[in-house]
Amino acid sequence: PVRIGNAAALQLQLDVYGELMDALYLARKGGLAGDDASWRLQLALMTHLEDIWQLPDEGIWEVRGPSRHFTHSKVMAWVAFDRAVRSIEQFGVEGPLERWRAVRD
């Protein structure tokens, strides 16, 4: 149990973006209606991820010490871009399709 505080709150964990974008993509694919507010949030998250996905992070392991490049983190960042691209293609939401395809690729 956390006794003094959780250092993870101050850590960069890139995998979270992929987990969130995949969950929201699967929700839409499963028939849950998306709305403009949720897609605007996703656009903001993806715009931020474009700037940070190449940085080292603490990963799902919440390592102490210097940040590192974790394969899992990079794969999950790829998942985020893939689900953003698929959302535009399949659900007709607006976004920078070609730019995100390029980052994903």
N, C-alpha and C. Protein backbone atom coordinates (compact mmCIF):
# COMPACT_ATOMS: atom_id res chain seq x y z
N PRO A 1 0.83 -1.21 0.00
CA PRO A 1 0.00 0.00 0.00
C PRO A 1 0.86 1.26 0.00
N VAL A 2 0.33 2.30 -0.58
CA VAL A 2 1.04 3.57 -0.60
C VAL A 2 0.98 4.17 0.79
N ARG A 3 2.15 4.48 1.34
CA ARG A 3 2.19 5.00 2.71
C ARG A 3 2.50 6.49 2.74
N ILE A 4 3.34 6.97 1.84
CA ILE A 4 3.74 8.37 1.90
C ILE A 4 3.29 9.12 0.65
N GLY A 5 3.16 8.48 -0.41
CA GLY A 5 2.77 9.13 -1.66
C GLY A 5 3.09 8.21 -2.81
N ASN A 6 2.55 8.50 -3.93
CA ASN A 6 2.77 7.66 -5.09
C ASN A 6 3.56 8.44 -6.12
N ALA A 7 4.81 8.08 -6.29
CA ALA A 7 5.69 8.77 -7.23
C ALA A 7 5.20 8.61 -8.67
N ALA A 8 4.37 7.62 -8.94
CA ALA A 8 3.87 7.41 -10.30
C ALA A 8 3.06 8.60 -10.80
N ALA A 9 2.51 9.36 -9.89
CA ALA A 9 1.73 10.54 -10.29
C ALA A 9 2.60 11.56 -11.00
N LEU A 10 3.89 11.51 -10.78
CA LEU A 10 4.82 12.46 -11.40
C LEU A 10 5.59 11.85 -12.57
N GLN A 11 5.31 10.60 -12.89
CA GLN A 11 6.04 9.89 -13.93
C GLN A 11 5.33 9.98 -15.28
N LEU A 12 6.12 9.90 -16.34
CA LEU A 12 5.57 9.78 -17.69
C LEU A 12 5.38 8.30 -17.98
N GLN A 13 4.16 7.92 -18.33
CA GLN A 13 3.85 6.54 -18.68
C GLN A 13 3.11 6.55 -20.02
N LEU A 14 3.87 6.34 -21.08
CA LEU A 14 3.33 6.45 -22.43
C LEU A 14 2.30 5.39 -22.76
N ASP A 15 2.34 4.26 -22.10
CA ASP A 15 1.42 3.17 -22.41
C ASP A 15 -0.04 3.55 -22.19
N VAL A 16 -0.28 4.47 -21.28
CA VAL A 16 -1.65 4.86 -20.93
C VAL A 16 -2.40 5.41 -22.14
N TYR A 17 -1.71 6.11 -23.01
CA TYR A 17 -2.36 6.68 -24.19
C TYR A 17 -2.93 5.57 -25.08
N GLY A 18 -2.17 4.52 -25.28
CA GLY A 18 -2.64 3.41 -26.08
C GLY A 18 -3.80 2.68 -25.44
N GLU A 19 -3.72 2.49 -24.14
CA GLU A 19 -4.80 1.80 -23.44
C GLU A 19 -6.10 2.58 -23.54
N LEU A 20 -6.01 3.88 -23.35
CA LEU A 20 -7.20 4.72 -23.41
C LEU A 20 -7.78 4.79 -24.82
N MET A 21 -6.92 5.03 -25.81
CA MET A 21 -7.41 5.13 -27.19
C MET A 21 -8.00 3.81 -27.67
N ASP A 22 -7.42 2.70 -27.25
CA ASP A 22 -7.97 1.39 -27.63
C ASP A 22 -9.32 1.17 -26.99
N ALA A 23 -9.46 1.50 -25.71
CA ALA A 23 -10.74 1.32 -25.02
C ALA A 23 -11.84 2.16 -25.67
N LEU A 24 -11.53 3.40 -26.01
CA LEU A 24 -12.54 4.27 -26.63
C LEU A 24 -12.87 3.81 -28.05
N TYR A 25 -11.87 3.33 -28.77
CA TYR A 25 -12.11 2.78 -30.11
C TYR A 25 -13.02 1.55 -30.02
N LEU A 26 -12.71 0.65 -29.10
CA LEU A 26 -13.52 -0.57 -28.96
C LEU A 26 -14.94 -0.25 -28.49
N ALA A 27 -15.08 0.78 -27.68
CA ALA A 27 -16.42 1.18 -27.25
C ALA A 27 -17.25 1.62 -28.45
N ARG A 28 -16.66 2.47 -29.31
CA ARG A 28 -17.37 2.90 -30.52
C ARG A 28 -17.67 1.72 -31.43
N LYS A 29 -16.66 0.88 -31.61
CA LYS A 29 -16.83 -0.30 -32.48
C LYS A 29 -17.93 -1.21 -31.94
N GLY A 30 -18.06 -1.26 -30.62
CA GLY A 30 -19.08 -2.09 -29.99
C GLY A 30 -20.46 -1.48 -29.96
N GLY A 31 -20.59 -0.26 -30.48
CA GLY A 31 -21.90 0.33 -30.59
C GLY A 31 -22.20 1.46 -29.62
N LEU A 32 -21.29 1.78 -28.72
CA LEU A 32 -21.52 2.92 -27.85
C LEU A 32 -21.32 4.21 -28.65
N ALA A 33 -22.25 5.08 -28.56
CA ALA A 33 -22.18 6.32 -29.33
C ALA A 33 -21.10 7.23 -28.77
N GLY A 34 -20.22 7.69 -29.64
CA GLY A 34 -19.24 8.69 -29.25
C GLY A 34 -19.87 10.06 -29.37
N ASP A 35 -19.29 11.04 -28.70
CA ASP A 35 -19.80 12.40 -28.84
C ASP A 35 -18.64 13.34 -29.14
N ASP A 36 -18.97 14.57 -29.47
CA ASP A 36 -17.95 15.54 -29.85
C ASP A 36 -16.97 15.80 -28.73
N ALA A 37 -17.45 15.86 -27.50
CA ALA A 37 -16.57 16.15 -26.37
C ALA A 37 -15.51 15.06 -26.19
N SER A 38 -15.91 13.80 -26.31
CA SER A 38 -14.94 12.72 -26.14
C SER A 38 -13.92 12.71 -27.27
N TRP A 39 -14.36 13.00 -28.49
CA TRP A 39 -13.41 13.03 -29.60
C TRP A 39 -12.47 14.22 -29.48
N ARG A 40 -12.97 15.36 -29.00
CA ARG A 40 -12.09 16.52 -28.79
C ARG A 40 -11.01 16.19 -27.75
N LEU A 41 -11.39 15.46 -26.71
CA LEU A 41 -10.41 15.02 -25.72
C LEU A 41 -9.38 14.11 -26.37
N GLN A 42 -9.83 13.18 -27.19
CA GLN A 42 -8.91 12.28 -27.87
C GLN A 42 -7.97 13.04 -28.80
N LEU A 43 -8.49 14.03 -29.50
CA LEU A 43 -7.65 14.86 -30.36
C LEU A 43 -6.56 15.56 -29.55
N ALA A 44 -6.93 16.10 -28.40
CA ALA A 44 -5.96 16.78 -27.54
C ALA A 44 -4.90 15.80 -27.03
N LEU A 45 -5.33 14.62 -26.62
CA LEU A 45 -4.38 13.62 -26.14
C LEU A 45 -3.41 13.20 -27.24
N MET A 46 -3.94 12.99 -28.44
CA MET A 46 -3.09 12.57 -29.55
C MET A 46 -2.13 13.67 -29.99
N THR A 47 -2.59 14.90 -29.96
CA THR A 47 -1.72 16.02 -30.30
C THR A 47 -0.56 16.09 -29.31
N HIS A 48 -0.86 15.87 -28.03
CA HIS A 48 0.19 15.85 -27.01
C HIS A 48 1.12 14.65 -27.22
N LEU A 49 0.55 13.49 -27.52
CA LEU A 49 1.36 12.29 -27.72
C LEU A 49 2.31 12.46 -28.89
N GLU A 50 1.89 13.18 -29.92
CA GLU A 50 2.79 13.45 -31.05
C GLU A 50 4.09 14.09 -30.58
N ASP A 51 4.01 14.91 -29.55
CA ASP A 51 5.18 15.63 -29.05
C ASP A 51 6.03 14.81 -28.10
N ILE A 52 5.45 13.78 -27.48
CA ILE A 52 6.19 13.10 -26.40
C ILE A 52 6.48 11.62 -26.63
N TRP A 53 5.95 11.00 -27.67
CA TRP A 53 6.05 9.55 -27.78
C TRP A 53 7.49 9.05 -27.91
N GLN A 54 8.38 9.90 -28.36
CA GLN A 54 9.77 9.48 -28.53
C GLN A 54 10.61 9.64 -27.27
N LEU A 55 10.02 10.20 -26.22
CA LEU A 55 10.75 10.40 -24.97
C LEU A 55 10.88 9.10 -24.19
N PRO A 56 11.92 8.98 -23.38
CA PRO A 56 11.96 7.85 -22.45
C PRO A 56 10.89 8.07 -21.37
N ASP A 57 10.44 6.98 -20.77
CA ASP A 57 9.41 7.09 -19.73
C ASP A 57 9.70 6.09 -18.61
N GLU A 58 8.79 6.02 -17.66
CA GLU A 58 8.94 5.08 -16.57
C GLU A 58 8.20 3.77 -16.82
N GLY A 59 7.41 3.73 -17.86
CA GLY A 59 6.73 2.51 -18.25
C GLY A 59 5.71 2.02 -17.24
N ILE A 60 5.12 0.89 -17.53
CA ILE A 60 4.12 0.31 -16.63
C ILE A 60 4.75 -0.17 -15.33
N TRP A 61 6.08 -0.27 -15.33
CA TRP A 61 6.77 -0.78 -14.15
C TRP A 61 7.06 0.32 -13.14
N GLU A 62 6.80 1.56 -13.50
CA GLU A 62 7.02 2.69 -12.60
C GLU A 62 8.42 2.65 -11.99
N VAL A 63 9.42 2.49 -12.85
CA VAL A 63 10.79 2.36 -12.37
C VAL A 63 11.24 3.62 -11.65
N ARG A 64 12.09 3.43 -10.72
CA ARG A 64 12.74 4.55 -10.05
C ARG A 64 14.08 4.77 -10.74
N GLY A 65 14.58 5.95 -10.70
CA GLY A 65 15.82 6.25 -11.38
C GLY A 65 15.52 6.90 -12.73
N PRO A 66 16.50 6.89 -13.61
CA PRO A 66 16.31 7.60 -14.88
C PRO A 66 15.24 6.95 -15.77
N SER A 67 14.57 7.78 -16.53
CA SER A 67 13.60 7.28 -17.51
C SER A 67 14.33 6.45 -18.55
N ARG A 68 13.60 5.54 -19.19
CA ARG A 68 14.19 4.65 -20.19
C ARG A 68 13.25 4.51 -21.38
N HIS A 69 13.75 3.93 -22.42
CA HIS A 69 12.91 3.60 -23.58
C HIS A 69 12.46 2.15 -23.41
N PHE A 70 11.17 1.97 -23.21
CA PHE A 70 10.60 0.63 -23.05
C PHE A 70 9.84 0.24 -24.31
N THR A 71 10.05 -0.98 -24.76
CA THR A 71 9.35 -1.48 -25.94
C THR A 71 7.85 -1.42 -25.74
N HIS A 72 7.38 -1.83 -24.58
CA HIS A 72 5.94 -1.82 -24.31
C HIS A 72 5.37 -0.41 -24.45
N SER A 73 6.06 0.57 -23.94
CA SER A 73 5.60 1.96 -24.03
C SER A 73 5.49 2.41 -25.48
N LYS A 74 6.49 2.06 -26.29
CA LYS A 74 6.48 2.48 -27.70
C LYS A 74 5.38 1.74 -28.47
N VAL A 75 5.17 0.47 -28.16
CA VAL A 75 4.10 -0.28 -28.82
C VAL A 75 2.74 0.32 -28.48
N MET A 76 2.56 0.68 -27.23
CA MET A 76 1.27 1.26 -26.83
C MET A 76 1.07 2.66 -27.42
N ALA A 77 2.14 3.41 -27.61
CA ALA A 77 2.02 4.69 -28.32
C ALA A 77 1.58 4.42 -29.76
N TRP A 78 2.14 3.38 -30.38
CA TRP A 78 1.72 2.98 -31.72
C TRP A 78 0.23 2.63 -31.72
N VAL A 79 -0.21 1.88 -30.73
CA VAL A 79 -1.62 1.51 -30.61
C VAL A 79 -2.48 2.77 -30.58
N ALA A 80 -2.07 3.77 -29.83
CA ALA A 80 -2.85 5.02 -29.76
C ALA A 80 -3.00 5.64 -31.14
N PHE A 81 -1.90 5.74 -31.88
CA PHE A 81 -1.99 6.33 -33.22
C PHE A 81 -2.80 5.45 -34.16
N ASP A 82 -2.65 4.14 -34.05
CA ASP A 82 -3.43 3.23 -34.89
C ASP A 82 -4.92 3.38 -34.63
N ARG A 83 -5.32 3.46 -33.36
CA ARG A 83 -6.75 3.58 -33.04
C ARG A 83 -7.29 4.96 -33.44
N ALA A 84 -6.47 5.98 -33.36
CA ALA A 84 -6.90 7.31 -33.82
C ALA A 84 -7.13 7.27 -35.33
N VAL A 85 -6.21 6.65 -36.07
CA VAL A 85 -6.36 6.52 -37.52
C VAL A 85 -7.60 5.71 -37.86
N ARG A 86 -7.78 4.58 -37.21
CA ARG A 86 -8.95 3.74 -37.46
C ARG A 86 -10.25 4.47 -37.12
N SER A 87 -10.23 5.26 -36.07
CA SER A 87 -11.44 6.01 -35.69
C SER A 87 -11.83 6.99 -36.79
N ILE A 88 -10.85 7.67 -37.34
CA ILE A 88 -11.13 8.60 -38.45
C ILE A 88 -11.66 7.84 -39.65
N GLU A 89 -10.99 6.75 -39.99
CA GLU A 89 -11.38 5.97 -41.17
C GLU A 89 -12.75 5.31 -41.02
N GLN A 90 -13.03 4.74 -39.87
CA GLN A 90 -14.23 3.93 -39.70
C GLN A 90 -15.44 4.70 -39.19
N PHE A 91 -15.21 5.75 -38.41
CA PHE A 91 -16.33 6.43 -37.78
C PHE A 91 -16.56 7.84 -38.30
N GLY A 92 -15.70 8.28 -39.22
CA GLY A 92 -15.91 9.57 -39.86
C GLY A 92 -15.65 10.79 -38.99
N VAL A 93 -14.91 10.61 -37.90
CA VAL A 93 -14.56 11.76 -37.09
C VAL A 93 -13.44 12.53 -37.79
N GLU A 94 -13.32 13.79 -37.46
CA GLU A 94 -12.33 14.66 -38.10
C GLU A 94 -11.00 14.61 -37.36
N GLY A 95 -9.92 14.55 -38.12
CA GLY A 95 -8.59 14.58 -37.51
C GLY A 95 -7.53 14.55 -38.58
N PRO A 96 -6.28 14.76 -38.18
CA PRO A 96 -5.16 14.80 -39.13
C PRO A 96 -4.74 13.39 -39.57
N LEU A 97 -5.56 12.80 -40.40
CA LEU A 97 -5.39 11.40 -40.80
C LEU A 97 -4.00 11.11 -41.36
N GLU A 98 -3.58 11.85 -42.36
CA GLU A 98 -2.29 11.56 -43.00
C GLU A 98 -1.12 11.76 -42.03
N ARG A 99 -1.20 12.77 -41.19
CA ARG A 99 -0.13 13.03 -40.22
C ARG A 99 -0.04 11.88 -39.23
N TRP A 100 -1.18 11.41 -38.73
CA TRP A 100 -1.16 10.32 -37.76
C TRP A 100 -0.78 8.99 -38.43
N ARG A 101 -1.15 8.82 -39.67
CA ARG A 101 -0.69 7.62 -40.39
C ARG A 101 0.83 7.63 -40.48
N ALA A 102 1.40 8.79 -40.79
CA ALA A 102 2.84 8.91 -40.90
C ALA A 102 3.54 8.61 -39.57
N VAL A 103 3.01 9.13 -38.48
CA VAL A 103 3.60 8.87 -37.16
C VAL A 103 3.48 7.38 -36.84
N ARG A 104 2.31 6.82 -37.07
CA ARG A 104 2.09 5.39 -36.82
C ARG A 104 3.06 4.54 -37.62
N ASP A 105 3.21 4.88 -38.87
CA ASP A 105 4.07 4.08 -39.76
C ASP A 105 5.54 4.26 -39.42
